[in-house]
């Protein structure tokens, strides 16, 4: 049986205000190192707002290799999203339609009935923040993680673990495994570390991107916020010297938000 790939970073039936959303837009960077060996394979750039999130993935030479655009207007844990791998041309994602959560894989679709534990893509991070107190107190939580590449969901369990190693600033370590014990031999666990401000500091596990050879990647990603002054400097440079090193690509398409619920019009 092939190992099931589910990535990071990652919906609860509560009011949107209950979720720990970014008060101000923020930019986060992460460097992905292949395991074992710890060789850099790509970098992530996250631009995160309260209701939107854009991720760009760059190869070590700076080439743009993938993009992911997320929309949290219908759900904080299960956003509408589209991930486009520019190397292969493949697209996966999900959108809300007529009260259902529709998984997308190329031209294939599968409708899921929304449940309180449905989580997808980087909505996983918001799910962790929304359940912070329970997890920090040592409780375990189960969720249904959407896998558009397989047009299915996987029932997962997350719980706090003792810090496996020293990581400056880390306040909470979590391990995620299949809720069904029999599947744990086929699905690698994921480990996450969060800092005291409830920001993701480290991800370790299977990547949501394949390697250049098309095979699954096991990675460690360490994240850091990009300082405001660095962003200001980048904008100054971009205004003076237009960037033309990335290959031309289709603009990311924000998935259509047709009907968040049956009552919507």
Protein backbone atom coordinates (compact mmCIF):
# COMPACT_ATOMS: atom_id res chain seq x y z
CA UNK A 1 0.00 0.00 0.00
CA UNK A 2 1.38 3.39 -0.93
CA UNK A 3 1.98 5.90 1.81
CA UNK A 4 -0.71 8.58 1.89
CA UNK A 5 0.62 12.07 1.31
CA UNK A 6 -0.97 14.86 3.33
CA UNK A 7 0.75 18.23 3.74
CA UNK A 8 1.15 21.21 5.96
CA UNK A 9 0.44 23.31 6.94
CA UNK A 10 -3.93 22.48 7.16
CA UNK A 11 -13.18 23.71 9.88
CA UNK A 12 -14.88 23.88 13.01
CA UNK A 13 -18.60 24.82 13.29
CA UNK A 14 -18.01 27.98 15.31
CA UNK A 15 -18.34 31.68 14.58
CA UNK A 16 -15.50 33.06 12.46
CA UNK A 17 -14.61 35.44 15.29
CA UNK A 18 -13.67 32.46 17.46
CA UNK A 19 -10.77 31.62 15.18
CA UNK A 20 -7.33 33.12 15.74
CA UNK A 21 -7.09 35.10 12.52
CA UNK A 22 -4.22 37.45 11.73
CA UNK A 23 -5.12 40.91 13.05
CA UNK A 24 -3.00 42.43 10.27
CA UNK A 25 -1.75 40.91 7.02
CA UNK A 26 1.54 39.11 7.59
CA UNK A 27 4.27 37.59 5.46
CA UNK A 28 5.96 34.33 6.47
CA UNK A 29 8.87 32.49 4.87
CA UNK A 30 9.85 28.85 5.20
CA UNK A 31 12.81 26.81 3.95
CA UNK A 32 12.07 23.17 3.13
CA UNK A 33 14.92 20.70 3.68
CA UNK A 34 14.70 17.17 2.30
CA UNK A 35 14.91 14.43 4.94
CA UNK A 36 17.23 12.73 5.45
CA UNK A 37 20.22 14.76 4.36
CA UNK A 38 18.74 18.21 5.04
CA UNK A 39 19.28 19.51 1.50
CA UNK A 40 17.18 22.54 0.51
CA UNK A 41 14.50 21.59 -2.03
CA UNK A 42 12.26 24.68 -2.07
CA UNK A 43 11.19 27.81 -0.22
CA UNK A 44 7.70 28.96 0.72
CA UNK A 45 6.45 32.54 0.82
CA UNK A 46 3.13 33.10 2.60
CA UNK A 47 1.07 36.29 2.38
CA UNK A 48 -1.67 35.84 4.98
CA UNK A 49 -4.77 37.93 5.63
CA UNK A 50 -7.93 37.33 7.64
CA UNK A 51 -9.85 35.93 4.66
CA UNK A 52 -7.16 35.18 2.08
CA UNK A 53 -3.81 33.45 1.89
CA UNK A 54 -1.38 33.18 -0.99
CA UNK A 55 1.60 30.82 -1.08
CA UNK A 56 4.42 30.78 -3.60
CA UNK A 57 6.95 27.95 -3.79
CA UNK A 58 10.40 28.64 -5.23
CA UNK A 59 13.20 26.24 -6.15
CA UNK A 60 16.63 26.94 -4.58
CA UNK A 61 17.61 28.86 -7.75
CA UNK A 62 14.64 31.20 -7.33
CA UNK A 63 12.40 29.67 -10.02
CA UNK A 64 8.71 29.75 -9.18
CA UNK A 65 7.54 26.11 -9.14
CA UNK A 66 4.07 26.17 -7.54
CA UNK A 67 1.37 28.46 -6.20
CA UNK A 68 -1.56 28.06 -3.84
CA UNK A 69 -4.39 30.59 -3.41
CA UNK A 70 -6.81 30.19 -0.50
CA UNK A 71 -10.10 31.90 0.36
CA UNK A 72 -11.46 31.66 3.92
CA UNK A 73 -14.76 33.49 3.41
CA UNK A 74 -16.84 30.32 3.74
CA UNK A 75 -14.71 28.47 6.27
CA UNK A 76 -11.59 29.07 8.30
CA UNK A 77 -10.61 25.40 8.52
CA UNK A 78 -11.71 24.22 5.08
CA UNK A 79 -10.99 27.13 2.74
CA UNK A 80 -11.63 27.20 -0.97
CA UNK A 81 -8.22 26.82 -2.59
CA UNK A 82 -6.33 25.91 -5.72
CA UNK A 83 -2.78 24.60 -5.77
CA UNK A 84 -1.05 24.73 -9.16
CA UNK A 85 2.23 22.89 -9.76
CA UNK A 86 3.92 24.83 -12.57
CA UNK A 87 6.34 21.99 -13.31
CA UNK A 88 3.73 19.37 -14.15
CA UNK A 89 0.76 21.65 -14.80
CA UNK A 90 -1.34 19.70 -12.29
CA UNK A 91 -4.04 21.43 -10.25
CA UNK A 92 -5.76 20.30 -7.06
CA UNK A 93 -8.05 22.19 -4.72
CA UNK A 94 -11.55 22.60 -3.37
CA UNK A 95 -14.47 25.01 -3.46
CA UNK A 96 -17.78 25.53 -1.70
CA UNK A 97 -20.81 24.84 -3.87
CA UNK A 98 -24.48 24.47 -2.91
CA UNK A 99 -23.63 23.73 0.72
CA UNK A 100 -21.05 21.05 -0.11
CA UNK A 101 -17.28 21.09 -0.13
CA UNK A 102 -16.19 20.06 -3.61
CA UNK A 103 -12.75 18.43 -3.96
CA UNK A 104 -11.01 19.11 -7.28
CA UNK A 105 -8.32 17.10 -9.06
CA UNK A 106 -7.82 18.30 -12.59
CA UNK A 107 -11.24 17.86 -14.20
CA UNK A 108 -12.41 15.36 -11.56
CA UNK A 109 -14.57 16.37 -8.59
CA UNK A 110 -16.08 14.84 -5.47
CA UNK A 111 -18.60 16.55 -3.20
CA UNK A 112 -18.20 16.23 0.57
CA UNK A 113 -20.94 16.99 3.04
CA UNK A 114 -19.49 19.57 5.47
CA UNK A 115 -18.88 18.35 9.00
CA UNK A 116 -17.56 20.22 12.03
CA UNK A 117 -14.19 18.46 11.81
CA UNK A 118 -13.49 19.07 8.10
CA UNK A 119 -10.05 20.64 7.52
CA UNK A 120 -8.12 21.29 4.31
CA UNK A 121 -4.83 22.74 3.13
CA UNK A 122 -3.48 25.60 5.28
CA UNK A 123 -6.78 25.76 7.15
CA UNK A 124 -5.06 23.20 9.32
CA UNK A 125 -3.03 25.96 10.97
CA UNK A 126 -6.19 27.88 11.89
CA UNK A 127 -7.76 24.69 13.22
CA UNK A 128 -4.78 24.27 15.58
CA UNK A 129 -5.09 27.84 16.82
CA UNK A 130 -8.84 27.48 17.36
CA UNK A 131 -8.22 24.39 19.52
CA UNK A 132 -5.07 25.70 21.22
CA UNK A 133 -6.23 25.43 24.84
CA UNK A 134 -7.39 21.84 24.46
CA UNK A 135 -4.16 20.78 22.77
CA UNK A 136 -1.94 22.70 25.19
CA UNK A 137 -3.69 20.98 28.10
CA UNK A 138 -2.78 17.58 26.66
CA UNK A 139 -6.09 16.70 25.02
CA UNK A 140 -6.28 14.97 21.63
CA UNK A 141 -8.48 16.12 18.75
CA UNK A 142 -9.66 14.25 15.67
CA UNK A 143 -10.33 15.84 12.30
CA UNK A 144 -11.17 14.89 8.73
CA UNK A 145 -8.38 16.14 6.49
CA UNK A 146 -9.31 16.64 2.83
CA UNK A 147 -6.99 15.07 0.24
CA UNK A 148 -7.97 16.46 -3.18
CA UNK A 149 -5.18 14.50 -4.89
CA UNK A 150 -7.06 11.34 -3.83
CA UNK A 151 -10.58 12.82 -3.82
CA UNK A 152 -11.08 11.62 -0.27
CA UNK A 153 -10.57 12.52 3.38
CA UNK A 154 -8.35 10.95 6.00
CA UNK A 155 -9.35 10.82 9.66
CA UNK A 156 -6.44 12.15 11.73
CA UNK A 157 -5.68 12.55 15.41
CA UNK A 158 -3.46 15.27 16.83
CA UNK A 159 -2.08 15.56 20.33
CA UNK A 160 0.64 17.32 22.26
CA UNK A 161 3.99 15.58 22.66
CA UNK A 162 7.08 16.27 24.69
CA UNK A 163 9.53 18.41 22.76
CA UNK A 164 11.71 15.92 20.83
CA UNK A 165 14.51 18.47 20.65
CA UNK A 166 15.45 22.00 21.64
CA UNK A 167 13.86 24.62 19.41
CA UNK A 168 14.28 28.23 20.57
CA UNK A 169 10.94 29.90 21.24
CA UNK A 170 8.83 26.75 20.84
CA UNK A 171 5.83 26.53 23.20
CA UNK A 172 3.81 23.61 21.84
CA UNK A 173 4.80 20.47 19.94
CA UNK A 174 2.14 18.37 18.22
CA UNK A 175 2.15 14.99 16.51
CA UNK A 176 -0.47 14.04 13.90
CA UNK A 177 -1.22 10.41 13.02
CA UNK A 178 -4.12 8.53 11.42
CA UNK A 179 -6.96 8.01 13.88
CA UNK A 180 -7.20 4.39 12.70
CA UNK A 181 -4.30 2.46 14.27
CA UNK A 182 -4.03 0.03 11.33
CA UNK A 183 -3.17 2.92 8.97
CA UNK A 184 -0.26 4.19 11.05
CA UNK A 185 2.11 1.69 9.47
CA UNK A 186 1.40 3.25 6.07
CA UNK A 187 1.20 6.98 6.88
CA UNK A 188 4.17 8.86 8.24
CA UNK A 189 3.45 11.03 11.30
CA UNK A 190 3.70 14.80 11.11
CA UNK A 191 5.31 16.90 13.83
CA UNK A 192 4.59 20.60 14.32
CA UNK A 193 6.12 23.15 16.65
CA UNK A 194 4.42 26.44 17.57
CA UNK A 195 5.94 29.42 19.31
CA UNK A 196 4.52 31.38 22.24
CA UNK A 197 2.55 33.64 19.90
CA UNK A 198 0.80 30.60 18.39
CA UNK A 199 2.69 30.85 15.12
CA UNK A 200 3.91 27.77 13.29
CA UNK A 201 7.68 27.54 13.75
CA UNK A 202 8.45 24.06 12.36
CA UNK A 203 6.82 21.43 10.19
CA UNK A 204 8.27 17.95 9.78
CA UNK A 205 6.67 15.29 7.60
CA UNK A 206 5.50 14.62 4.07
CA UNK A 207 5.37 17.67 1.83
CA UNK A 208 2.29 18.78 -0.10
CA UNK A 209 4.62 19.15 -3.11
CA UNK A 210 6.32 16.32 -4.98
CA UNK A 211 10.03 16.47 -5.69
CA UNK A 212 11.43 17.38 -9.10
CA UNK A 213 11.40 13.64 -9.90
CA UNK A 214 7.67 13.41 -9.18
CA UNK A 215 8.18 11.37 -6.00
CA UNK A 216 6.90 12.21 -2.51
CA UNK A 217 9.14 14.36 -0.33
CA UNK A 218 9.73 14.13 3.39
CA UNK A 219 10.78 17.58 4.59
CA UNK A 220 11.51 19.78 7.55
CA UNK A 221 10.37 23.39 7.18
CA UNK A 222 11.31 26.17 9.60
CA UNK A 223 9.23 29.32 9.40
CA UNK A 224 9.96 32.92 10.27
CA UNK A 225 7.97 36.14 9.91
CA UNK A 226 9.40 38.60 7.39
CA UNK A 227 10.12 41.92 9.17
CA UNK A 228 8.16 44.94 8.00
CA UNK A 229 11.34 46.78 7.10
CA UNK A 230 12.43 43.92 4.84
CA UNK A 231 9.09 44.01 3.02
CA UNK A 232 9.40 47.76 2.56
CA UNK A 233 12.88 47.32 1.11
CA UNK A 234 11.66 44.61 -1.27
CA UNK A 235 8.95 46.93 -2.56
CA UNK A 236 11.50 49.68 -3.13
CA UNK A 237 13.73 47.34 -5.12
CA UNK A 238 10.79 45.98 -7.13
CA UNK A 239 9.75 49.52 -8.05
CA UNK A 240 13.25 50.30 -9.36
CA UNK A 241 14.24 46.97 -10.91
CA UNK A 242 11.29 44.93 -12.28
CA UNK A 243 11.69 41.23 -11.54
CA UNK A 244 11.77 39.13 -14.72
CA UNK A 245 13.50 35.95 -13.58
CA UNK A 246 10.41 33.82 -13.02
CA UNK A 247 8.81 31.88 -15.88
CA UNK A 248 5.52 33.12 -17.23
CA UNK A 249 2.58 31.31 -15.67
CA UNK A 250 -1.16 31.53 -15.51
CA UNK A 251 -2.38 33.82 -12.76
CA UNK A 252 -3.64 31.85 -9.75
CA UNK A 253 -7.41 31.50 -9.84
CA UNK A 254 -9.28 32.12 -6.60
CA UNK A 255 -11.87 29.30 -6.53
CA UNK A 256 -15.44 30.48 -6.98
CA UNK A 257 -17.48 30.87 -3.80
CA UNK A 258 -20.89 29.94 -5.17
CA UNK A 259 -22.92 28.97 -2.09
CA UNK A 260 -21.41 28.52 1.36
CA UNK A 261 -24.60 26.91 2.62
CA UNK A 262 -27.93 25.74 1.33
CA UNK A 263 -29.50 28.93 2.64
CA UNK A 264 -27.12 31.20 0.75
CA UNK A 265 -28.30 32.92 -2.38
